[in-house]
Amino acid sequence: MFPRMLAGRGGRSAPLALACLGFLFAAPLLSTEAKADFRVCNGTQSLVGVAVGYRAETGWTTEGWWQIPATTCKSVIKGPLSSRYYYLYAEDQDGRGLWAGNVNFCVADREFKIVDVKDCFARGFQKLGFREYDTGEQGSWMVQLTEAPRGEATTP
């Protein structure tokens, strides 16, 4: 599954990167409030690819793939969280780590944002089991991936 992430959210075009860079310099001037996000921290020694599922106004939504280098963190949902439950699927580049669960969502081979969890195969997507995280309606949440993966892959 990991090869699909190599073309995912890690790459951006130069104009977009320059626009984001400009915003980063302006951001400290705009606000000093604490950052509220859904963050994933990779505590392993491998590159990890991540997809996240959540309930949005448009319905159940899945997004991916974020590439998170070893021993770093990345915000996969920016801003205050609007749902109580979030779902995560992650796998490492080496094929030794898999963080999954038993809640199925649709995914694609490359960067994606998919609305709805029904008929994944009929719509040209794959289906994977995601692990549920109950945030207790907190404004921010962090998931720590460790060398000993928690969860198990399920066959839909």
C-alpha atoms as a PDB file:
ATOM      1  CA  MET A   1       0.000   0.000   0.000  1.00  0.00           C
ATOM      2  CA  PHE A   2       2.852   2.423   0.658  1.00  0.00           C
ATOM      3  CA  PRO A   3       3.759   3.257  -2.967  1.00  0.00           C
ATOM      4  CA  ARG A   4       0.486   5.136  -3.449  1.00  0.00           C
ATOM      5  CA  MET A   5       1.568   7.692  -0.865  1.00  0.00           C
ATOM      6  CA  LEU A   6       4.720   8.709  -2.710  1.00  0.00           C
ATOM      7  CA  ALA A   7       2.652  10.801  -5.131  1.00  0.00           C
ATOM      8  CA  GLY A   8       0.383  12.061  -2.359  1.00  0.00           C
ATOM      9  CA  ARG A   9       0.314  15.125  -0.174  1.00  0.00           C
ATOM     10  CA  GLY A  10       4.081  15.401   0.108  1.00  0.00           C
ATOM     11  CA  GLY A  11       4.546  17.285  -3.192  1.00  0.00           C
ATOM     12  CA  ARG A  12       3.205  20.729  -4.041  1.00  0.00           C
ATOM     13  CA  SER A  13       3.720  23.101  -6.954  1.00  0.00           C
ATOM     14  CA  ALA A  14       6.180  25.977  -6.641  1.00  0.00           C
ATOM     15  CA  PRO A  15       3.550  28.776  -6.762  1.00  0.00           C
ATOM     16  CA  LEU A  16       1.561  27.134  -3.984  1.00  0.00           C
ATOM     17  CA  ALA A  17       4.712  26.631  -1.922  1.00  0.00           C
ATOM     18  CA  LEU A  18       5.664  30.298  -2.312  1.00  0.00           C
ATOM     19  CA  ALA A  19       2.163  31.424  -1.330  1.00  0.00           C
ATOM     20  CA  CYS A  20       2.269  29.194   1.751  1.00  0.00           C
ATOM     21  CA  LEU A  21       5.741  30.434   2.644  1.00  0.00           C
ATOM     22  CA  GLY A  22       4.482  34.022   2.567  1.00  0.00           C
ATOM     23  CA  PHE A  23       1.587  33.070   4.834  1.00  0.00           C
ATOM     24  CA  LEU A  24       3.926  31.371   7.293  1.00  0.00           C
ATOM     25  CA  PHE A  25       5.869  34.582   7.764  1.00  0.00           C
ATOM     26  CA  ALA A  26       2.654  36.556   8.263  1.00  0.00           C
ATOM     27  CA  ALA A  27       0.993  34.048  10.591  1.00  0.00           C
ATOM     28  CA  PRO A  28       2.811  35.054  13.812  1.00  0.00           C
ATOM     29  CA  LEU A  29       1.666  38.629  13.281  1.00  0.00           C
ATOM     30  CA  LEU A  30      -1.975  37.591  12.893  1.00  0.00           C
ATOM     31  CA  SER A  31      -2.483  35.539  16.026  1.00  0.00           C
ATOM     32  CA  THR A  32      -0.732  34.232  19.103  1.00  0.00           C
ATOM     33  CA  GLU A  33      -3.499  31.768  20.039  1.00  0.00           C
ATOM     34  CA  ALA A  34      -2.793  28.084  20.630  1.00  0.00           C
ATOM     35  CA  LYS A  35      -3.000  25.890  17.555  1.00  0.00           C
ATOM     36  CA  ALA A  36      -5.932  23.445  17.397  1.00  0.00           C
ATOM     37  CA  ASP A  37      -5.420  20.556  14.944  1.00  0.00           C
ATOM     38  CA  PHE A  38      -5.614  16.795  14.524  1.00  0.00           C
ATOM     39  CA  ARG A  39      -1.909  15.928  14.572  1.00  0.00           C
ATOM     40  CA  VAL A  40      -0.153  12.659  13.891  1.00  0.00           C
ATOM     41  CA  CYS A  41       3.312  12.123  15.337  1.00  0.00           C
ATOM     42  CA  ASN A  42       5.554   9.457  13.862  1.00  0.00           C
ATOM     43  CA  GLY A  43       7.633   8.023  16.677  1.00  0.00           C
ATOM     44  CA  THR A  44       9.165   5.367  14.421  1.00  0.00           C
ATOM     45  CA  GLN A  45      12.391   5.302  12.414  1.00  0.00           C
ATOM     46  CA  SER A  46      10.497   4.936   9.094  1.00  0.00           C
ATOM     47  CA  LEU A  47       8.547   7.203   6.781  1.00  0.00           C
ATOM     48  CA  VAL A  48       4.825   6.683   7.485  1.00  0.00           C
ATOM     49  CA  GLY A  49       1.850   7.363   5.200  1.00  0.00           C
ATOM     50  CA  VAL A  50      -1.409   8.472   6.833  1.00  0.00           C
ATOM     51  CA  ALA A  51      -5.065   8.759   5.833  1.00  0.00           C
ATOM     52  CA  VAL A  52      -7.817  10.201   8.042  1.00  0.00           C
ATOM     53  CA  GLY A  53     -11.605   9.832   8.082  1.00  0.00           C
ATOM     54  CA  TYR A  54     -14.170  12.117   9.711  1.00  0.00           C
ATOM     55  CA  ARG A  55     -17.765  13.325   9.571  1.00  0.00           C
ATOM     56  CA  ALA A  56     -18.124  16.609   7.633  1.00  0.00           C
ATOM     57  CA  GLU A  57     -21.149  18.678   6.636  1.00  0.00           C
ATOM     58  CA  THR A  58     -21.129  16.870   3.282  1.00  0.00           C
ATOM     59  CA  GLY A  59     -21.029  13.424   4.942  1.00  0.00           C
ATOM     60  CA  TRP A  60     -18.348  10.906   5.877  1.00  0.00           C
ATOM     61  CA  THR A  61     -15.076  11.988   4.312  1.00  0.00           C
ATOM     62  CA  THR A  62     -11.663  10.359   3.910  1.00  0.00           C
ATOM     63  CA  GLU A  63      -8.437  12.188   3.021  1.00  0.00           C
ATOM     64  CA  GLY A  64      -4.874  11.073   2.410  1.00  0.00           C
ATOM     65  CA  TRP A  65      -1.985  10.496   1.915  1.00  0.00           C
ATOM     66  CA  TRP A  66       0.221  12.542   4.176  1.00  0.00           C
ATOM     67  CA  GLN A  67       3.848  11.487   4.407  1.00  0.00           C
ATOM     68  CA  ILE A  68       5.262  11.879   7.899  1.00  0.00           C
ATOM     69  CA  PRO A  69       9.030  11.412   8.215  1.00  0.00           C
ATOM     70  CA  ALA A  70      10.545   9.527  11.146  1.00  0.00           C
ATOM     71  CA  THR A  71      10.328  11.287  14.523  1.00  0.00           C
ATOM     72  CA  THR A  72       8.235  14.211  13.236  1.00  0.00           C
ATOM     73  CA  CYS A  73       4.634  15.408  13.545  1.00  0.00           C
ATOM     74  CA  LYS A  74       2.195  16.757  10.977  1.00  0.00           C
ATOM     75  CA  SER A  75      -1.234  18.369  11.247  1.00  0.00           C
ATOM     76  CA  VAL A  76      -3.575  16.381   8.998  1.00  0.00           C
ATOM     77  CA  ILE A  77      -6.659  18.425   9.908  1.00  0.00           C
ATOM     78  CA  LYS A  78      -5.997  22.087  10.559  1.00  0.00           C
ATOM     79  CA  GLY A  79      -8.072  24.202  12.886  1.00  0.00           C
ATOM     80  CA  PRO A  80     -10.412  23.326  15.752  1.00  0.00           C
ATOM     81  CA  LEU A  81     -11.961  19.871  15.439  1.00  0.00           C
ATOM     82  CA  SER A  82     -15.661  19.822  14.650  1.00  0.00           C
ATOM     83  CA  SER A  83     -16.442  16.140  15.290  1.00  0.00           C
ATOM     84  CA  ARG A  84     -16.069  13.866  18.262  1.00  0.00           C
ATOM     85  CA  TYR A  85     -14.807  10.826  16.334  1.00  0.00           C
ATOM     86  CA  TYR A  86     -11.887  10.721  13.913  1.00  0.00           C
ATOM     87  CA  TYR A  87     -10.451   7.691  12.144  1.00  0.00           C
ATOM     88  CA  LEU A  88      -6.870   6.925  11.178  1.00  0.00           C
ATOM     89  CA  TYR A  89      -5.055   4.466   8.932  1.00  0.00           C
ATOM     90  CA  ALA A  90      -1.259   4.483   8.680  1.00  0.00           C
ATOM     91  CA  GLU A  91       1.441   2.250   7.269  1.00  0.00           C
ATOM     92  CA  ASP A  92       5.189   2.565   7.141  1.00  0.00           C
ATOM     93  CA  GLN A  93       7.436   2.525   4.104  1.00  0.00           C
ATOM     94  CA  ASP A  94       9.223  -0.636   5.195  1.00  0.00           C
ATOM     95  CA  GLY A  95       6.037  -2.709   5.461  1.00  0.00           C
ATOM     96  CA  ARG A  96       6.682  -3.527   9.126  1.00  0.00           C
ATOM     97  CA  GLY A  97       4.222  -1.107  10.708  1.00  0.00           C
ATOM     98  CA  LEU A  98       0.476  -0.948  10.197  1.00  0.00           C
ATOM     99  CA  TRP A  99      -1.913   1.120  12.283  1.00  0.00           C
ATOM    100  CA  ALA A 100      -5.463   0.153  11.352  1.00  0.00           C
ATOM    101  CA  GLY A 101      -8.822  -0.805  12.797  1.00  0.00           C
ATOM    102  CA  ASN A 102     -12.246  -2.146  11.915  1.00  0.00           C
ATOM    103  CA  VAL A 103     -14.068   0.960  10.608  1.00  0.00           C
ATOM    104  CA  ASN A 104     -14.036   0.903   6.806  1.00  0.00           C
ATOM    105  CA  PHE A 105     -13.436   3.969   4.639  1.00  0.00           C
ATOM    106  CA  CYS A 106     -12.703   4.417   0.937  1.00  0.00           C
ATOM    107  CA  VAL A 107      -9.147   5.294  -0.129  1.00  0.00           C
ATOM    108  CA  ALA A 108      -7.326   5.933  -3.413  1.00  0.00           C
ATOM    109  CA  ASP A 109      -3.803   5.234  -4.632  1.00  0.00           C
ATOM    110  CA  ARG A 110      -2.780   8.885  -4.824  1.00  0.00           C
ATOM    111  CA  GLU A 111      -3.703  12.035  -2.923  1.00  0.00           C
ATOM    112  CA  PHE A 112      -7.453  11.988  -2.359  1.00  0.00           C
ATOM    113  CA  LYS A 113     -10.495  13.446  -0.663  1.00  0.00           C
ATOM    114  CA  ILE A 114     -13.483  11.089  -0.881  1.00  0.00           C
ATOM    115  CA  VAL A 115     -16.994  11.821   0.349  1.00  0.00           C
ATOM    116  CA  ASP A 116     -19.134   8.822   1.408  1.00  0.00           C
ATOM    117  CA  VAL A 117     -18.098   5.374   2.560  1.00  0.00           C
ATOM    118  CA  LYS A 118     -20.485   3.331   0.416  1.00  0.00           C
ATOM    119  CA  ASP A 119     -19.670   1.370  -2.735  1.00  0.00           C
ATOM    120  CA  CYS A 120     -15.922   1.994  -2.569  1.00  0.00           C
ATOM    121  CA  PHE A 121     -15.046  -0.629  -5.182  1.00  0.00           C
ATOM    122  CA  ALA A 122     -17.888   0.350  -7.556  1.00  0.00           C
ATOM    123  CA  ARG A 123     -16.638   3.961  -7.466  1.00  0.00           C
ATOM    124  CA  GLY A 124     -13.065   2.922  -8.294  1.00  0.00           C
ATOM    125  CA  PHE A 125     -11.632   3.117  -4.770  1.00  0.00           C
ATOM    126  CA  GLN A 126     -10.211   0.630  -2.296  1.00  0.00           C
ATOM    127  CA  LYS A 127     -11.538  -0.028   1.195  1.00  0.00           C
ATOM    128  CA  LEU A 128      -9.361  -0.088   4.318  1.00  0.00           C
ATOM    129  CA  GLY A 129     -10.029  -0.486   8.036  1.00  0.00           C
ATOM    130  CA  PHE A 130      -9.379   2.648  10.092  1.00  0.00           C
ATOM    131  CA  ARG A 131      -8.950   2.935  13.851  1.00  0.00           C
ATOM    132  CA  GLU A 132     -11.429   5.107  15.753  1.00  0.00           C
ATOM    133  CA  TYR A 133     -10.308   7.930  18.058  1.00  0.00           C
ATOM    134  CA  ASP A 134     -12.824   9.441  20.456  1.00  0.00           C
ATOM    135  CA  THR A 135     -11.612  13.002  20.970  1.00  0.00           C
ATOM    136  CA  GLY A 136     -14.272  13.728  23.584  1.00  0.00           C
ATOM    137  CA  GLU A 137     -15.135  16.810  21.521  1.00  0.00           C
ATOM    138  CA  GLN A 138     -11.754  18.382  22.269  1.00  0.00           C
ATOM    139  CA  GLY A 139     -10.648  21.205  19.961  1.00  0.00           C
ATOM    140  CA  SER A 140      -7.366  19.432  19.168  1.00  0.00           C
ATOM    141  CA  TRP A 141      -6.010  15.883  19.293  1.00  0.00           C
ATOM    142  CA  MET A 142      -2.693  14.111  18.751  1.00  0.00           C
ATOM    143  CA  VAL A 143      -2.052  10.503  17.761  1.00  0.00           C
ATOM    144  CA  GLN A 144       1.389   9.046  18.491  1.00  0.00           C
ATOM    145  CA  LEU A 145       2.523   6.211  16.190  1.00  0.00           C
ATOM    146  CA  THR A 146       5.124   3.991  17.842  1.00  0.00           C
ATOM    147  CA  GLU A 147       7.386   1.144  16.728  1.00  0.00           C
ATOM    148  CA  ALA A 148       4.877  -1.354  18.141  1.00  0.00           C
ATOM    149  CA  PRO A 149       1.799  -0.609  15.969  1.00  0.00           C
ATOM    150  CA  ARG A 150      -1.554  -0.644  17.699  1.00  0.00           C
ATOM    151  CA  GLY A 151      -4.582  -2.001  15.886  1.00  0.00           C
ATOM    152  CA  GLU A 152      -4.799  -4.609  13.227  1.00  0.00           C
ATOM    153  CA  ALA A 153      -5.636  -4.797   9.586  1.00  0.00           C
ATOM    154  CA  THR A 154      -9.072  -6.095   8.766  1.00  0.00           C
ATOM    155  CA  THR A 155     -10.415  -7.681   5.654  1.00  0.00           C
ATOM    156  CA  PRO A 156     -13.584  -5.902   4.592  1.00  0.00           C
END
